[in-house]
């Protein structure tokens, strides 16, 4: 019985391919996987921090979650934090085992498509949060003065953390897109 060609890391290895895999290219692959893990860790950290800031920010008269755009900011960053946590686990698995969780082609498409969807989600939510913060500063000045100044500063911080989470998720999207293009062009996640 022949092993499935879709599963990465299982089955018998082709001896001819082993001759072409050098130690240098294995180090490059490992380094690239560590870089992808770092992007996912940063995305997780910034998105989680943004969600926590959004959830905990309130003034004596109102909470940040009273506004729809801030609820969207909270939900999007919480979703991205959970997704990034899952992807950190998948990246760690790939570093340790040298194989993907799903069949290789499915894993690459999963990573790239979900990275893009969640990057757009957190970008849109961060823009909505920034627009609401600006609107509050312009139209409701008493909220951002005196005792309420910390409310506005924390709102700015939660939006900025959301944008930072987007930045690192966008970098992860570029890396996963590179892996997908290499797979489509050469049949391998990395050019050797």
Protein backbone atom coordinates (compact mmCIF):
# COMPACT_ATOMS: atom_id res chain seq x y z
CA UNK A 1 0.00 0.00 0.00
CA UNK A 2 1.45 3.35 -1.07
CA UNK A 3 1.40 6.25 1.44
CA UNK A 4 -0.65 9.30 0.56
CA UNK A 5 1.43 11.91 -1.28
CA UNK A 6 -0.60 14.64 0.42
CA UNK A 7 0.69 13.97 3.92
CA UNK A 8 3.85 15.83 4.79
CA UNK A 9 6.37 13.96 6.90
CA UNK A 10 4.77 10.50 6.80
CA UNK A 11 5.60 7.52 4.70
CA UNK A 12 8.85 6.59 3.06
CA UNK A 13 11.22 9.26 1.89
CA UNK A 14 12.62 9.37 -1.59
CA UNK A 15 16.37 8.72 -1.38
CA UNK A 16 17.06 10.91 -4.42
CA UNK A 17 15.46 13.93 -2.72
CA UNK A 18 17.59 13.39 0.39
CA UNK A 19 20.73 13.88 -1.67
CA UNK A 20 19.62 17.38 -2.69
CA UNK A 21 18.65 18.57 0.77
CA UNK A 22 21.73 20.17 2.25
CA UNK A 23 22.36 21.22 5.80
CA UNK A 24 22.31 24.85 4.69
CA UNK A 25 18.83 24.58 3.20
CA UNK A 26 17.59 22.74 6.30
CA UNK A 27 18.91 25.62 8.42
CA UNK A 28 17.17 28.11 6.13
CA UNK A 29 13.89 26.23 6.48
CA UNK A 30 14.26 26.09 10.26
CA UNK A 31 15.14 29.80 10.42
CA UNK A 32 12.15 30.68 8.26
CA UNK A 33 9.86 28.61 10.51
CA UNK A 34 11.23 30.39 13.58
CA UNK A 35 10.60 33.75 11.91
CA UNK A 36 7.02 32.74 11.14
CA UNK A 37 6.60 31.63 14.76
CA UNK A 38 7.93 35.01 15.93
CA UNK A 39 5.41 36.86 13.72
CA UNK A 40 2.60 34.74 15.13
CA UNK A 41 3.79 35.30 18.71
CA UNK A 42 3.88 39.06 18.17
CA UNK A 43 0.44 39.02 16.53
CA UNK A 44 -0.93 37.01 19.46
CA UNK A 45 0.62 39.33 22.04
CA UNK A 46 -0.56 42.58 20.47
CA UNK A 47 -4.06 41.29 19.70
CA UNK A 48 -4.51 39.89 23.20
CA UNK A 49 -3.25 43.14 24.75
CA UNK A 50 -5.64 45.15 22.56
CA UNK A 51 -8.58 42.96 23.56
CA UNK A 52 -7.69 43.27 27.25
CA UNK A 53 -7.27 47.07 27.02
CA UNK A 54 -10.59 47.38 25.20
CA UNK A 55 -12.39 45.17 27.70
CA UNK A 56 -11.00 46.89 30.78
CA UNK A 57 -11.29 50.52 29.65
CA UNK A 58 -14.09 52.50 31.23
CA UNK A 59 -14.75 55.94 32.62
CA UNK A 60 -17.10 56.81 35.46
CA UNK A 61 -19.89 57.47 32.97
CA UNK A 62 -19.33 54.82 30.27
CA UNK A 63 -17.42 51.79 29.13
CA UNK A 64 -15.52 51.46 25.90
CA UNK A 65 -17.74 48.47 25.08
CA UNK A 66 -20.79 50.78 25.01
CA UNK A 67 -19.78 51.64 21.44
CA UNK A 68 -20.27 49.21 18.56
CA UNK A 69 -16.91 49.95 16.97
CA UNK A 70 -15.07 49.14 20.20
CA UNK A 71 -17.06 45.92 20.60
CA UNK A 72 -15.94 45.04 17.07
CA UNK A 73 -12.34 45.91 18.01
CA UNK A 74 -12.56 43.68 21.07
CA UNK A 75 -14.12 40.74 19.21
CA UNK A 76 -11.75 40.94 16.23
CA UNK A 77 -8.66 41.09 18.43
CA UNK A 78 -9.90 38.24 20.64
CA UNK A 79 -10.54 36.10 17.54
CA UNK A 80 -7.11 36.92 16.11
CA UNK A 81 -5.47 36.13 19.46
CA UNK A 82 -7.10 32.68 19.53
CA UNK A 83 -6.20 32.06 15.87
CA UNK A 84 -2.60 33.17 16.45
CA UNK A 85 -2.36 30.88 19.47
CA UNK A 86 -3.50 27.95 17.31
CA UNK A 87 -1.04 28.91 14.58
CA UNK A 88 1.80 29.16 17.12
CA UNK A 89 1.03 25.59 18.10
CA UNK A 90 1.00 24.50 14.44
CA UNK A 91 4.29 26.33 13.78
CA UNK A 92 5.87 24.74 16.85
CA UNK A 93 4.68 21.33 15.70
CA UNK A 94 6.24 21.96 12.29
CA UNK A 95 9.54 23.03 13.86
CA UNK A 96 9.68 20.05 16.22
CA UNK A 97 8.33 17.30 13.98
CA UNK A 98 9.30 18.64 10.56
CA UNK A 99 5.77 17.96 9.30
CA UNK A 100 2.57 19.97 9.00
CA UNK A 101 -0.59 19.18 10.97
CA UNK A 102 -2.71 18.90 7.83
CA UNK A 103 -1.68 17.55 4.46
CA UNK A 104 0.94 19.95 3.14
CA UNK A 105 -1.12 21.61 0.39
CA UNK A 106 -4.15 21.95 2.67
CA UNK A 107 -2.00 23.41 5.46
CA UNK A 108 -0.45 26.00 3.16
CA UNK A 109 -3.81 27.10 1.75
CA UNK A 110 -5.32 27.13 5.26
CA UNK A 111 -2.51 29.30 6.64
CA UNK A 112 -2.51 31.80 3.77
CA UNK A 113 -6.29 32.19 3.45
CA UNK A 114 -6.95 32.47 7.17
CA UNK A 115 -4.03 34.86 7.67
CA UNK A 116 -5.53 37.13 5.02
CA UNK A 117 -9.09 36.96 6.34
CA UNK A 118 -8.07 37.66 9.92
CA UNK A 119 -5.65 40.42 8.89
CA UNK A 120 -8.46 42.23 7.07
CA UNK A 121 -10.78 41.64 10.01
CA UNK A 122 -8.43 43.18 12.57
CA UNK A 123 -7.49 46.02 10.20
CA UNK A 124 -11.15 46.92 9.67
CA UNK A 125 -11.87 46.74 13.39
CA UNK A 126 -8.84 48.89 14.21
CA UNK A 127 -9.89 51.51 11.67
CA UNK A 128 -13.40 51.54 13.14
CA UNK A 129 -11.93 51.94 16.63
CA UNK A 130 -9.68 54.78 15.46
CA UNK A 131 -12.64 56.54 13.84
CA UNK A 132 -14.68 56.23 17.05
CA UNK A 133 -11.79 57.50 19.15
CA UNK A 134 -11.41 60.53 16.87
CA UNK A 135 -15.16 61.16 16.91
CA UNK A 136 -15.21 61.08 20.71
CA UNK A 137 -12.31 63.51 20.95
CA UNK A 138 -14.00 65.96 18.57
CA UNK A 139 -17.65 65.77 19.60
CA UNK A 140 -17.51 64.75 23.25
CA UNK A 141 -14.64 66.77 24.62
CA UNK A 142 -15.69 66.47 28.31
CA UNK A 143 -15.08 62.70 28.15
CA UNK A 144 -11.41 63.26 27.29
CA UNK A 145 -10.73 65.99 29.83
CA UNK A 146 -10.02 65.81 33.53
CA UNK A 147 -10.81 62.39 35.02
CA UNK A 148 -11.83 60.99 31.63
CA UNK A 149 -8.46 61.65 30.01
CA UNK A 150 -7.19 58.21 30.97
CA UNK A 151 -10.25 56.72 29.21
CA UNK A 152 -9.25 58.36 25.92
CA UNK A 153 -5.58 57.44 26.32
CA UNK A 154 -6.49 53.80 26.92
CA UNK A 155 -8.80 53.87 23.89
CA UNK A 156 -5.89 55.15 21.79
CA UNK A 157 -3.65 52.43 23.19
CA UNK A 158 -6.15 49.65 22.43
CA UNK A 159 -6.48 50.89 18.84
CA UNK A 160 -2.70 51.18 18.42
CA UNK A 161 -2.21 47.65 19.77
CA UNK A 162 -4.81 46.43 17.26
CA UNK A 163 -2.85 48.04 14.42
CA UNK A 164 0.38 46.44 15.72
CA UNK A 165 -1.38 43.05 15.76
CA UNK A 166 -2.41 43.65 12.15
CA UNK A 167 1.15 44.54 11.18
CA UNK A 168 2.56 41.25 12.45
CA UNK A 169 -0.33 39.26 11.02
CA UNK A 170 0.32 40.93 7.66
CA UNK A 171 3.99 39.89 7.90
CA UNK A 172 2.86 36.33 8.69
CA UNK A 173 0.57 36.51 5.65
CA UNK A 174 3.52 37.48 3.45
CA UNK A 175 5.55 34.57 4.81
CA UNK A 176 2.73 32.05 4.38
CA UNK A 177 2.07 33.45 0.89
CA UNK A 178 5.73 32.93 0.03
CA UNK A 179 5.51 29.32 1.20
CA UNK A 180 2.34 28.78 -0.84
CA UNK A 181 3.83 30.27 -4.02
CA UNK A 182 6.96 28.13 -3.60
CA UNK A 183 4.77 25.06 -3.18
CA UNK A 184 2.73 25.87 -6.28
CA UNK A 185 5.85 26.60 -8.34
CA UNK A 186 8.16 23.83 -7.17
CA UNK A 187 6.09 21.31 -5.22
CA UNK A 188 7.94 22.17 -2.01
CA UNK A 189 7.29 24.80 0.66
CA UNK A 190 10.79 26.15 0.19
CA UNK A 191 13.03 26.41 -2.86
CA UNK A 192 16.13 24.34 -2.26
